[in-house]
C-alpha cells in the first residue's frame, strides 16, 4: 500500500481528475467509464486503503458504479422479459406465476 501511495500518486491524481470531470448523457458511456476505471484501480494493492490517502471523489465514483450496476441489472431483466415465451404445454397457473414474478421485478 505504501509503495502504491509513493509511486502511483501521479496516476491516481490523473484518475481523480477524470472522475471529477466525468459527465455523461448516455448511461452506456457511464458503464464503459466504470469498467475502464475499475480496470485501472485493479492495479492498486488495496484500492480503498490507497485512495484514502488522496482526495478521491468517493461519492461520485460510487454513484457511477452503482448506476452501472443498476443499468446492467435492468438490461438483464429486459432480456429475461423479452425472451419470455408462453408455452401452451405449461399449466396456466404456472405461466401466470412466472408472469407475475417478472412484473414484480
C-alpha atoms as a PDB file:
ATOM      1  CA  UNK A   1       0.000   0.000   0.000  1.00  0.00           C
ATOM      2  CA  UNK A   2       2.761   2.414   0.968  1.00  0.00           C
ATOM      3  CA  UNK A   3       4.566   1.684  -2.289  1.00  0.00           C
ATOM      4  CA  UNK A   4       1.429   2.461  -4.332  1.00  0.00           C
ATOM      5  CA  UNK A   5       0.960   5.726  -2.427  1.00  0.00           C
ATOM      6  CA  UNK A   6       4.549   6.740  -3.136  1.00  0.00           C
ATOM      7  CA  UNK A   7       4.913   5.527  -6.721  1.00  0.00           C
ATOM      8  CA  UNK A   8       1.430   5.880  -8.216  1.00  0.00           C
ATOM      9  CA  UNK A   9       0.490   9.357  -7.000  1.00  0.00           C
ATOM     10  CA  UNK A  10       0.510  10.919 -10.466  1.00  0.00           C
ATOM     11  CA  UNK A  11      -1.509   8.011 -11.859  1.00  0.00           C
ATOM     12  CA  UNK A  12      -4.095   8.333  -9.062  1.00  0.00           C
ATOM     13  CA  UNK A  13      -4.307  12.121  -9.417  1.00  0.00           C
ATOM     14  CA  UNK A  14      -4.959  11.630 -13.137  1.00  0.00           C
ATOM     15  CA  UNK A  15      -7.770   9.185 -12.291  1.00  0.00           C
ATOM     16  CA  UNK A  16      -9.187  11.685  -9.783  1.00  0.00           C
ATOM     17  CA  UNK A  17      -9.312  14.366 -12.486  1.00  0.00           C
ATOM     18  CA  UNK A  18     -11.034  12.003 -14.901  1.00  0.00           C
ATOM     19  CA  UNK A  19     -13.678  11.047 -12.319  1.00  0.00           C
ATOM     20  CA  UNK A  20     -14.280  14.677 -11.326  1.00  0.00           C
ATOM     21  CA  UNK A  21     -14.545  15.750 -14.980  1.00  0.00           C
ATOM     22  CA  UNK A  22     -16.747  12.806 -15.987  1.00  0.00           C
ATOM     23  CA  UNK A  23     -20.213  13.779 -17.123  1.00  0.00           C
ATOM     24  CA  UNK A  24     -22.265  11.622 -19.422  1.00  0.00           C
ATOM     25  CA  UNK A  25     -25.657  11.840 -21.076  1.00  0.00           C
ATOM     26  CA  UNK A  26     -25.742   8.197 -22.171  1.00  0.00           C
ATOM     27  CA  UNK A  27     -25.730   5.512 -19.465  1.00  0.00           C
ATOM     28  CA  UNK A  28     -23.790   3.201 -21.793  1.00  0.00           C
ATOM     29  CA  UNK A  29     -20.918   5.697 -21.582  1.00  0.00           C
ATOM     30  CA  UNK A  30     -21.096   5.547 -17.780  1.00  0.00           C
ATOM     31  CA  UNK A  31     -20.862   1.750 -17.927  1.00  0.00           C
ATOM     32  CA  UNK A  32     -17.813   1.947 -20.218  1.00  0.00           C
ATOM     33  CA  UNK A  33     -16.153   4.525 -17.983  1.00  0.00           C
ATOM     34  CA  UNK A  34     -16.789   2.484 -14.825  1.00  0.00           C
ATOM     35  CA  UNK A  35     -15.402  -0.647 -16.479  1.00  0.00           C
ATOM     36  CA  UNK A  36     -12.307   1.282 -17.542  1.00  0.00           C
ATOM     37  CA  UNK A  37     -11.925   2.874 -14.092  1.00  0.00           C
ATOM     38  CA  UNK A  38     -12.261  -0.458 -12.304  1.00  0.00           C
ATOM     39  CA  UNK A  39      -9.581  -1.888 -14.575  1.00  0.00           C
ATOM     40  CA  UNK A  40      -7.240   0.974 -13.733  1.00  0.00           C
ATOM     41  CA  UNK A  41      -7.929   0.727  -9.994  1.00  0.00           C
ATOM     42  CA  UNK A  42      -7.353  -3.022 -10.027  1.00  0.00           C
ATOM     43  CA  UNK A  43      -3.632  -2.296 -10.412  1.00  0.00           C
ATOM     44  CA  UNK A  44      -3.533  -0.947  -6.843  1.00  0.00           C
ATOM     45  CA  UNK A  45      -2.562  -3.245  -3.996  1.00  0.00           C
ATOM     46  CA  UNK A  46      -5.651  -2.274  -1.954  1.00  0.00           C
ATOM     47  CA  UNK A  47      -7.941   0.218  -3.651  1.00  0.00           C
ATOM     48  CA  UNK A  48      -9.678   1.656  -0.563  1.00  0.00           C
ATOM     49  CA  UNK A  49      -6.519   1.774   1.557  1.00  0.00           C
ATOM     50  CA  UNK A  50      -4.539   3.583  -1.141  1.00  0.00           C
ATOM     51  CA  UNK A  51      -7.263   6.003  -2.248  1.00  0.00           C
ATOM     52  CA  UNK A  52      -7.980   7.229   1.287  1.00  0.00           C
ATOM     53  CA  UNK A  53      -4.596   8.992   1.141  1.00  0.00           C
ATOM     54  CA  UNK A  54      -5.779  11.107  -1.799  1.00  0.00           C
ATOM     55  CA  UNK A  55      -8.711  13.448  -2.448  1.00  0.00           C
ATOM     56  CA  UNK A  56     -10.596  10.629  -4.120  1.00  0.00           C
ATOM     57  CA  UNK A  57     -14.135  11.650  -5.223  1.00  0.00           C
ATOM     58  CA  UNK A  58     -15.618   8.616  -3.480  1.00  0.00           C
ATOM     59  CA  UNK A  59     -19.273   9.683  -3.640  1.00  0.00           C
ATOM     60  CA  UNK A  60     -19.164  10.370  -7.370  1.00  0.00           C
ATOM     61  CA  UNK A  61     -17.202   7.223  -8.191  1.00  0.00           C
ATOM     62  CA  UNK A  62     -19.543   5.101  -6.060  1.00  0.00           C
ATOM     63  CA  UNK A  63     -22.622   6.724  -7.625  1.00  0.00           C
ATOM     64  CA  UNK A  64     -21.310   5.972 -11.107  1.00  0.00           C
ATOM     65  CA  UNK A  65     -20.541   2.382 -10.132  1.00  0.00           C
ATOM     66  CA  UNK A  66     -24.000   1.939  -8.655  1.00  0.00           C
ATOM     67  CA  UNK A  67     -25.626   3.428 -11.757  1.00  0.00           C
ATOM     68  CA  UNK A  68     -23.676   0.980 -13.931  1.00  0.00           C
ATOM     69  CA  UNK A  69     -24.688  -1.985 -11.758  1.00  0.00           C
ATOM     70  CA  UNK A  70     -28.363  -0.958 -11.744  1.00  0.00           C
ATOM     71  CA  UNK A  71     -28.314  -0.440 -15.509  1.00  0.00           C
ATOM     72  CA  UNK A  72     -26.803  -3.881 -16.073  1.00  0.00           C
ATOM     73  CA  UNK A  73     -29.493  -5.416 -13.860  1.00  0.00           C
ATOM     74  CA  UNK A  74     -32.202  -3.614 -15.845  1.00  0.00           C
ATOM     75  CA  UNK A  75     -30.701  -4.841 -19.119  1.00  0.00           C
ATOM     76  CA  UNK A  76     -30.692  -8.417 -17.792  1.00  0.00           C
ATOM     77  CA  UNK A  77     -34.329  -8.056 -16.727  1.00  0.00           C
ATOM     78  CA  UNK A  78     -35.206  -6.626 -20.139  1.00  0.00           C
ATOM     79  CA  UNK A  79     -33.548  -9.638 -21.772  1.00  0.00           C
ATOM     80  CA  UNK A  80     -35.399 -12.049 -19.491  1.00  0.00           C
ATOM     81  CA  UNK A  81     -38.750 -10.393 -20.194  1.00  0.00           C
ATOM     82  CA  UNK A  82     -38.222 -10.092 -23.946  1.00  0.00           C
ATOM     83  CA  UNK A  83     -37.191 -13.733 -24.213  1.00  0.00           C
ATOM     84  CA  UNK A  84     -40.260 -14.979 -22.320  1.00  0.00           C
ATOM     85  CA  UNK A  85     -42.314 -17.387 -24.408  1.00  0.00           C
ATOM     86  CA  UNK A  86     -45.759 -18.519 -23.376  1.00  0.00           C
ATOM     87  CA  UNK A  87     -45.719 -22.305 -23.562  1.00  0.00           C
ATOM     88  CA  UNK A  88     -49.213 -23.778 -24.071  1.00  0.00           C
ATOM     89  CA  UNK A  89     -47.986 -27.076 -22.581  1.00  0.00           C
ATOM     90  CA  UNK A  90     -47.325 -25.435 -19.198  1.00  0.00           C
ATOM     91  CA  UNK A  91     -50.353 -25.164 -16.892  1.00  0.00           C
ATOM     92  CA  UNK A  92     -51.974 -21.736 -16.837  1.00  0.00           C
ATOM     93  CA  UNK A  93     -51.257 -21.242 -13.122  1.00  0.00           C
ATOM     94  CA  UNK A  94     -47.519 -21.789 -13.648  1.00  0.00           C
ATOM     95  CA  UNK A  95     -47.454 -19.347 -16.577  1.00  0.00           C
ATOM     96  CA  UNK A  96     -49.331 -16.726 -14.571  1.00  0.00           C
ATOM     97  CA  UNK A  97     -46.914 -17.134 -11.649  1.00  0.00           C
ATOM     98  CA  UNK A  98     -43.956 -16.651 -13.992  1.00  0.00           C
ATOM     99  CA  UNK A  99     -45.544 -13.535 -15.495  1.00  0.00           C
ATOM    100  CA  UNK A 100     -46.332 -12.175 -12.031  1.00  0.00           C
ATOM    101  CA  UNK A 101     -42.749 -12.729 -10.870  1.00  0.00           C
ATOM    102  CA  UNK A 102     -41.452 -10.859 -13.923  1.00  0.00           C
ATOM    103  CA  UNK A 103     -43.860  -7.996 -13.216  1.00  0.00           C
ATOM    104  CA  UNK A 104     -42.728  -7.869  -9.587  1.00  0.00           C
ATOM    105  CA  UNK A 105     -39.113  -7.432 -10.663  1.00  0.00           C
END
